């Protein structure tokens, strides 16, 4: 029996870390052109513009989850990037509202 071991590298990302355009595209399974287009639609905001052409933009590492969602939506539902950008905006709004509801619920007095 031929057994192949696969090495998986895990990196824990948080919002204080940044990733380049190329890194973001690679880890999310989306092309750099698609990331650029999502930036044009306002679905993604770069932190800074970088000096080199390949990595001209830096993004907060917390964008990884958002871009993975974008990639999955696009593949699962065969959507164009404009539709994906709209959905991402609505998902972000829902998540914000859910956080606000949880915060308000935590302020309510507990019932015994």
Protein backbone atom coordinates (compact mmCIF):
# COMPACT_ATOMS: atom_id res chain seq x y z
CA UNK A 1 0.00 0.00 0.00
CA UNK A 2 1.33 3.41 -1.02
CA UNK A 3 0.66 6.07 1.62
CA UNK A 4 1.23 9.74 0.88
CA UNK A 5 1.55 12.21 3.69
CA UNK A 6 0.33 15.68 3.02
CA UNK A 7 1.77 18.58 4.95
CA UNK A 8 -0.63 21.34 5.80
CA UNK A 9 0.60 24.70 7.01
CA UNK A 10 -1.69 26.64 9.31
CA UNK A 11 -1.31 30.31 9.96
CA UNK A 12 -3.59 32.07 12.43
CA UNK A 13 -4.50 35.45 10.99
CA UNK A 14 -6.02 38.39 12.82
CA UNK A 15 -7.07 41.89 11.89
CA UNK A 16 -3.71 43.42 12.83
CA UNK A 17 -1.87 41.33 10.26
CA UNK A 18 -1.85 42.16 6.57
CA UNK A 19 -1.69 40.10 3.39
CA UNK A 20 -0.66 41.08 -0.09
CA UNK A 21 -2.99 40.97 -3.05
CA UNK A 22 -1.25 37.83 -4.32
CA UNK A 23 -1.46 36.08 -0.93
CA UNK A 24 -5.12 36.97 -0.51
CA UNK A 25 -5.96 35.64 -3.96
CA UNK A 26 -3.99 32.43 -3.41
CA UNK A 27 -5.47 31.49 -0.03
CA UNK A 28 -9.00 32.31 -1.16
CA UNK A 29 -8.91 30.54 -4.51
CA UNK A 30 -9.74 33.70 -6.45
CA UNK A 31 -7.71 35.52 -9.09
CA UNK A 32 -5.93 38.79 -8.40
CA UNK A 33 -8.02 40.38 -11.16
CA UNK A 34 -11.17 39.28 -9.33
CA UNK A 35 -9.88 40.77 -6.07
CA UNK A 36 -9.14 44.03 -7.93
CA UNK A 37 -12.66 44.03 -9.36
CA UNK A 38 -14.17 43.49 -5.90
CA UNK A 39 -12.12 46.48 -4.69
CA UNK A 40 -13.53 48.55 -7.57
CA UNK A 41 -17.08 47.57 -6.51
CA UNK A 42 -16.32 48.61 -2.92
CA UNK A 43 -16.70 45.08 -1.51
CA UNK A 44 -13.12 45.12 -0.24
CA UNK A 45 -10.91 47.93 0.96
CA UNK A 46 -7.10 47.72 0.77
CA UNK A 47 -5.10 48.98 3.74
CA UNK A 48 -2.37 50.53 1.61
CA UNK A 49 -1.08 50.56 -1.91
CA UNK A 50 2.25 48.71 -2.20
CA UNK A 51 5.28 49.54 -4.35
CA UNK A 52 5.46 46.48 -6.63
CA UNK A 53 3.04 45.61 -9.42
CA UNK A 54 2.37 42.04 -8.20
CA UNK A 55 1.66 43.08 -4.63
CA UNK A 56 0.47 46.61 -5.14
CA UNK A 57 -2.15 46.35 -2.42
CA UNK A 58 -2.10 45.20 1.17
CA UNK A 59 -5.24 43.97 2.90
CA UNK A 60 -6.15 43.28 6.48
CA UNK A 61 -5.91 39.55 7.16
CA UNK A 62 -9.51 39.55 8.35
CA UNK A 63 -10.45 39.92 4.64
CA UNK A 64 -9.51 36.28 4.09
CA UNK A 65 -12.80 34.96 5.47
CA UNK A 66 -14.75 37.51 3.44
CA UNK A 67 -12.93 36.60 0.22
CA UNK A 68 -13.34 32.88 0.84
CA UNK A 69 -17.06 33.51 1.18
CA UNK A 70 -16.96 35.47 -2.09
CA UNK A 71 -15.16 32.64 -3.85
CA UNK A 72 -17.63 30.05 -2.54
CA UNK A 73 -20.67 32.15 -3.50
CA UNK A 74 -19.30 32.68 -6.97
CA UNK A 75 -18.60 29.00 -7.56
CA UNK A 76 -21.70 27.59 -5.87
CA UNK A 77 -24.17 29.91 -7.58
CA UNK A 78 -22.26 30.83 -10.76
CA UNK A 79 -22.48 34.55 -9.93
CA UNK A 80 -20.71 37.47 -11.51
CA UNK A 81 -18.51 39.60 -9.29
CA UNK A 82 -20.97 42.48 -9.09
CA UNK A 83 -23.61 40.14 -7.61
CA UNK A 84 -20.99 38.72 -5.23
CA UNK A 85 -20.08 42.26 -4.10
CA UNK A 86 -23.75 43.02 -3.38
CA UNK A 87 -24.16 39.78 -1.42
CA UNK A 88 -21.01 40.45 0.60
CA UNK A 89 -22.36 43.88 1.53
CA UNK A 90 -25.64 42.36 2.72
CA UNK A 91 -23.85 39.59 4.63
CA UNK A 92 -21.69 42.20 6.40
CA UNK A 93 -24.78 44.23 7.31
CA UNK A 94 -26.49 41.13 8.71
CA UNK A 95 -23.41 40.23 10.78
CA UNK A 96 -23.27 43.79 12.16
CA UNK A 97 -26.95 43.69 13.09
CA UNK A 98 -26.53 40.27 14.73
CA UNK A 99 -23.65 41.62 16.85
CA UNK A 100 -25.78 44.58 17.89
CA UNK A 101 -28.70 42.30 18.86
CA UNK A 102 -26.38 40.08 20.95
CA UNK A 103 -24.95 43.16 22.64
CA UNK A 104 -28.41 44.50 23.44
CA UNK A 105 -29.55 41.09 24.69
CA UNK A 106 -26.55 40.95 27.01
CA UNK A 107 -27.64 44.24 28.56
CA UNK A 108 -31.13 42.96 29.40
CA UNK A 109 -31.72 41.92 32.99
CA UNK A 110 -31.71 38.17 33.45
CA UNK A 111 -34.93 36.45 34.46
CA UNK A 112 -34.95 34.01 37.34
